[in-house]
């Protein structure tokens, strides 16, 4: 009974938070459209452009909300695609839409391992960490992606590091909270919450380190599909 009550409270909080987060961009879009109706020429086009940007941000937030709801709601994901580490990493990098791919420092080769989870979710979790590094790291410094795994180990670790200013200890404790943002920079505030939810659903974990001298590192631990042993 207590577990059910906790679930209800969590869902009520999620609904309230989501309503608040969606109301703000909707109000801004409405305002820009109202202004555009009263203006002409370039001024009207500028207001319409702002409204269009707001629609894009709202759409991104809705996508993140749906993903989080599906993961936490235990809805089954079965995309039928094997989660080979190399393909997960390559797809996650491509999904960041970073135009300067040379910013990513990658390992010389990817381990021959398959993650024990749907590829869609593995890509989403890693992409969100890369997006976070791109957004908060120094724009002229590289983003490093490493992988730690040895044959026979049941878990693999992705390590994403940036060389930005980093965050303090208090911020580290809050960054996975839904809708929490370290600044007024654009973003839904859901990216790291989704990473945490995906990792926990499949028995993994995500941890964050930010040294006093700067920089930020995320360690994402994911389960690996172990080869089936045949009985003699």
Protein backbone atom coordinates (compact mmCIF):
# COMPACT_ATOMS: atom_id res chain seq x y z
CA UNK A 1 0.00 0.00 0.00
CA UNK A 2 2.80 2.42 0.88
CA UNK A 3 4.46 1.73 -2.47
CA UNK A 4 1.23 2.49 -4.33
CA UNK A 5 0.82 5.72 -2.37
CA UNK A 6 4.37 6.78 -3.24
CA UNK A 7 3.68 6.08 -6.91
CA UNK A 8 0.52 8.20 -6.83
CA UNK A 9 2.34 11.08 -5.13
CA UNK A 10 5.19 10.87 -7.65
CA UNK A 11 2.80 10.94 -10.59
CA UNK A 12 0.85 13.87 -9.14
CA UNK A 13 4.09 15.81 -8.70
CA UNK A 14 5.13 14.91 -12.24
CA UNK A 15 1.80 16.14 -13.62
CA UNK A 16 1.99 19.42 -11.72
CA UNK A 17 5.58 20.04 -12.78
CA UNK A 18 4.79 19.21 -16.40
CA UNK A 19 1.79 21.56 -16.45
CA UNK A 20 3.94 24.40 -15.12
CA UNK A 21 6.74 23.75 -17.60
CA UNK A 22 4.37 23.64 -20.58
CA UNK A 23 2.39 26.70 -19.54
CA UNK A 24 5.39 29.03 -19.77
CA UNK A 25 6.31 28.37 -23.44
CA UNK A 26 2.65 28.32 -24.45
CA UNK A 27 2.16 31.76 -22.90
CA UNK A 28 5.23 33.07 -24.71
CA UNK A 29 4.05 31.66 -28.05
CA UNK A 30 0.62 33.23 -27.59
CA UNK A 31 2.20 36.60 -26.79
CA UNK A 32 4.41 36.53 -29.90
CA UNK A 33 1.43 35.65 -32.10
CA UNK A 34 -0.65 38.47 -30.62
CA UNK A 35 2.18 40.92 -31.28
CA UNK A 36 2.54 39.67 -34.86
CA UNK A 37 -1.15 40.36 -35.52
CA UNK A 38 -0.68 44.01 -34.57
CA UNK A 39 2.48 44.57 -36.59
CA UNK A 40 3.50 44.48 -40.23
CA UNK A 41 6.59 43.74 -42.26
CA UNK A 42 9.86 42.69 -40.62
CA UNK A 43 8.57 43.33 -37.09
CA UNK A 44 5.70 40.89 -37.61
CA UNK A 45 8.04 38.32 -39.16
CA UNK A 46 10.37 38.61 -36.17
CA UNK A 47 7.51 37.89 -33.76
CA UNK A 48 6.44 34.91 -35.86
CA UNK A 49 10.02 33.65 -35.84
CA UNK A 50 10.11 33.85 -32.03
CA UNK A 51 6.81 31.96 -31.89
CA UNK A 52 8.22 29.26 -34.17
CA UNK A 53 11.27 28.89 -31.93
CA UNK A 54 8.94 28.52 -28.96
CA UNK A 55 7.03 25.76 -30.74
CA UNK A 56 10.32 23.94 -31.35
CA UNK A 57 11.28 24.14 -27.67
CA UNK A 58 7.82 23.03 -26.62
CA UNK A 59 7.97 20.06 -28.98
CA UNK A 60 11.36 19.06 -27.56
CA UNK A 61 10.02 19.25 -24.01
CA UNK A 62 7.00 17.12 -24.93
CA UNK A 63 9.26 14.48 -26.50
CA UNK A 64 11.37 14.36 -23.34
CA UNK A 65 8.28 14.14 -21.15
CA UNK A 66 6.89 11.24 -23.16
CA UNK A 67 10.21 9.40 -23.00
CA UNK A 68 10.45 9.86 -19.23
CA UNK A 69 6.84 8.75 -18.73
CA UNK A 70 7.41 5.63 -20.83
CA UNK A 71 10.59 4.68 -18.99
CA UNK A 72 9.22 5.28 -15.49
CA UNK A 73 5.86 3.74 -16.43
CA UNK A 74 7.62 0.44 -17.17
CA UNK A 75 6.22 0.42 -20.70
CA UNK A 76 7.94 -2.26 -22.73
CA UNK A 77 10.51 -1.12 -25.28
CA UNK A 78 11.28 -3.67 -27.96
CA UNK A 79 12.76 -2.12 -31.07
CA UNK A 80 14.14 -5.46 -32.22
CA UNK A 81 17.62 -4.03 -32.75
CA UNK A 82 20.72 -5.30 -30.98
CA UNK A 83 22.46 -2.65 -28.88
CA UNK A 84 26.01 -3.07 -30.15
CA UNK A 85 28.23 -0.60 -28.32
CA UNK A 86 29.75 0.86 -31.49
CA UNK A 87 26.34 1.49 -33.06
CA UNK A 88 24.93 2.98 -29.86
CA UNK A 89 27.85 5.41 -29.62
CA UNK A 90 27.76 6.35 -33.30
CA UNK A 91 23.99 6.93 -33.27
CA UNK A 92 24.18 8.98 -30.06
CA UNK A 93 26.87 11.22 -31.55
CA UNK A 94 24.88 11.66 -34.77
CA UNK A 95 21.73 12.55 -32.80
CA UNK A 96 23.47 15.48 -31.10
CA UNK A 97 23.53 17.25 -34.49
CA UNK A 98 26.88 18.77 -33.53
CA UNK A 99 28.27 20.22 -36.80
CA UNK A 100 31.90 19.94 -35.69
CA UNK A 101 32.33 16.22 -35.07
CA UNK A 102 36.04 16.74 -34.51
CA UNK A 103 35.09 18.06 -31.05
CA UNK A 104 34.47 14.49 -29.94
CA UNK A 105 37.54 12.60 -28.73
CA UNK A 106 36.73 8.92 -29.19
CA UNK A 107 38.49 5.66 -28.36
CA UNK A 108 40.50 4.03 -31.19
CA UNK A 109 38.08 1.10 -31.19
CA UNK A 110 34.82 0.13 -29.54
CA UNK A 111 34.51 -3.03 -27.44
CA UNK A 112 32.81 -6.04 -29.01
CA UNK A 113 29.93 -5.96 -26.56
CA UNK A 114 26.14 -5.76 -26.74
CA UNK A 115 24.11 -3.90 -24.13
CA UNK A 116 21.27 -5.77 -22.43
CA UNK A 117 18.69 -3.09 -23.20
CA UNK A 118 16.82 -1.67 -26.21
CA UNK A 119 19.03 0.32 -28.57
CA UNK A 120 16.59 3.25 -28.55
CA UNK A 121 17.01 3.77 -24.82
CA UNK A 122 20.76 3.19 -24.83
CA UNK A 123 21.17 5.83 -27.56
CA UNK A 124 18.87 8.26 -25.74
CA UNK A 125 20.78 7.97 -22.46
CA UNK A 126 24.20 8.46 -24.07
CA UNK A 127 22.98 11.26 -26.35
CA UNK A 128 21.58 13.19 -23.40
CA UNK A 129 24.96 13.03 -21.67
CA UNK A 130 26.70 14.24 -24.83
CA UNK A 131 24.13 17.03 -25.25
CA UNK A 132 24.73 18.11 -21.66
CA UNK A 133 28.48 18.23 -22.24
CA UNK A 134 28.05 20.23 -25.46
CA UNK A 135 25.72 22.70 -23.76
CA UNK A 136 27.73 23.30 -20.60
CA UNK A 137 31.30 22.58 -21.69
CA UNK A 138 33.62 25.17 -23.19
CA UNK A 139 32.71 25.67 -26.85
CA UNK A 140 36.36 25.62 -27.96
CA UNK A 141 37.33 22.51 -26.00
CA UNK A 142 36.79 18.83 -26.85
CA UNK A 143 34.23 16.42 -25.45
CA UNK A 144 35.76 13.07 -24.49
CA UNK A 145 33.83 9.81 -24.77
CA UNK A 146 35.47 6.72 -23.26
CA UNK A 147 34.32 3.16 -22.66
CA UNK A 148 35.47 0.84 -19.89
CA UNK A 149 34.75 -2.88 -20.24
CA UNK A 150 36.63 -6.16 -20.18
CA UNK A 151 35.34 -9.40 -21.75
CA UNK A 152 33.34 -11.35 -19.21
CA UNK A 153 32.22 -8.30 -17.22
CA UNK A 154 28.45 -7.94 -16.86
CA UNK A 155 28.45 -4.12 -16.92
CA UNK A 156 30.03 -1.55 -19.22
CA UNK A 157 30.74 2.10 -18.44
CA UNK A 158 30.46 5.06 -20.80
CA UNK A 159 32.42 8.10 -19.60
CA UNK A 160 31.57 11.55 -20.99
CA UNK A 161 33.83 14.44 -19.96
CA UNK A 162 33.86 18.13 -20.80
CA UNK A 163 36.24 20.92 -19.84
CA UNK A 164 33.69 23.53 -18.86
CA UNK A 165 33.48 25.41 -15.55
CA UNK A 166 31.89 22.45 -13.77
CA UNK A 167 29.37 22.67 -10.94
CA UNK A 168 29.53 22.85 -7.16
CA UNK A 169 28.60 20.10 -4.70
CA UNK A 170 25.10 21.46 -4.10
CA UNK A 171 24.37 21.47 -7.82
CA UNK A 172 25.60 17.89 -8.21
CA UNK A 173 22.86 16.78 -5.83
CA UNK A 174 20.14 18.45 -7.90
CA UNK A 175 21.05 17.92 -11.54
CA UNK A 176 18.95 14.77 -12.00
CA UNK A 177 15.79 16.36 -10.61
CA UNK A 178 13.02 16.85 -13.17
CA UNK A 179 12.94 20.31 -14.74
CA UNK A 180 15.95 21.49 -12.73
CA UNK A 181 18.34 23.78 -14.62
CA UNK A 182 21.69 25.15 -13.53
CA UNK A 183 21.07 28.37 -15.43
CA UNK A 184 18.63 30.09 -17.74
CA UNK A 185 20.17 28.36 -20.74
CA UNK A 186 17.74 26.63 -23.05
CA UNK A 187 16.79 23.08 -22.22
CA UNK A 188 13.91 21.09 -20.82
CA UNK A 189 15.61 20.23 -17.55
CA UNK A 190 14.72 16.58 -18.21
CA UNK A 191 17.80 15.22 -19.98
CA UNK A 192 19.71 13.92 -16.97
CA UNK A 193 16.53 12.76 -15.24
CA UNK A 194 15.87 10.57 -18.29
CA UNK A 195 19.41 9.18 -18.19
CA UNK A 196 18.94 8.26 -14.53
CA UNK A 197 15.56 6.63 -15.17
CA UNK A 198 16.91 4.56 -18.07
CA UNK A 199 19.97 3.41 -16.13
CA UNK A 200 17.94 2.44 -13.06
CA UNK A 201 15.33 0.58 -15.10
CA UNK A 202 17.98 -1.81 -16.40
CA UNK A 203 19.98 -2.18 -13.20
CA UNK A 204 22.67 0.34 -14.09
CA UNK A 205 23.51 3.74 -12.68
CA UNK A 206 24.78 7.17 -13.62
CA UNK A 207 27.13 9.23 -11.46
CA UNK A 208 28.65 12.67 -11.86
CA UNK A 209 31.98 14.18 -10.85
CA UNK A 210 33.01 17.83 -11.00
CA UNK A 211 36.51 18.55 -9.63
CA UNK A 212 37.20 21.86 -7.91
CA UNK A 213 39.55 22.87 -10.74
CA UNK A 214 36.71 22.61 -13.28
CA UNK A 215 35.36 20.15 -15.78
CA UNK A 216 32.47 17.71 -15.54
CA UNK A 217 32.38 13.93 -15.96
CA UNK A 218 29.41 11.60 -16.24
CA UNK A 219 29.80 7.83 -15.79
CA UNK A 220 26.96 5.76 -17.24
CA UNK A 221 26.97 2.09 -16.22
CA UNK A 222 24.94 -0.22 -18.48
CA UNK A 223 24.30 -4.00 -18.38
CA UNK A 224 25.93 -6.19 -21.01
CA UNK A 225 24.39 -9.24 -22.65
CA UNK A 226 26.35 -12.24 -21.43
CA UNK A 227 26.90 -15.23 -23.75
CA UNK A 228 24.72 -18.20 -22.95
CA UNK A 229 26.57 -21.14 -21.50
CA UNK A 230 25.68 -24.58 -22.77
CA UNK A 231 25.30 -27.40 -20.31
CA UNK A 232 27.56 -30.41 -20.90
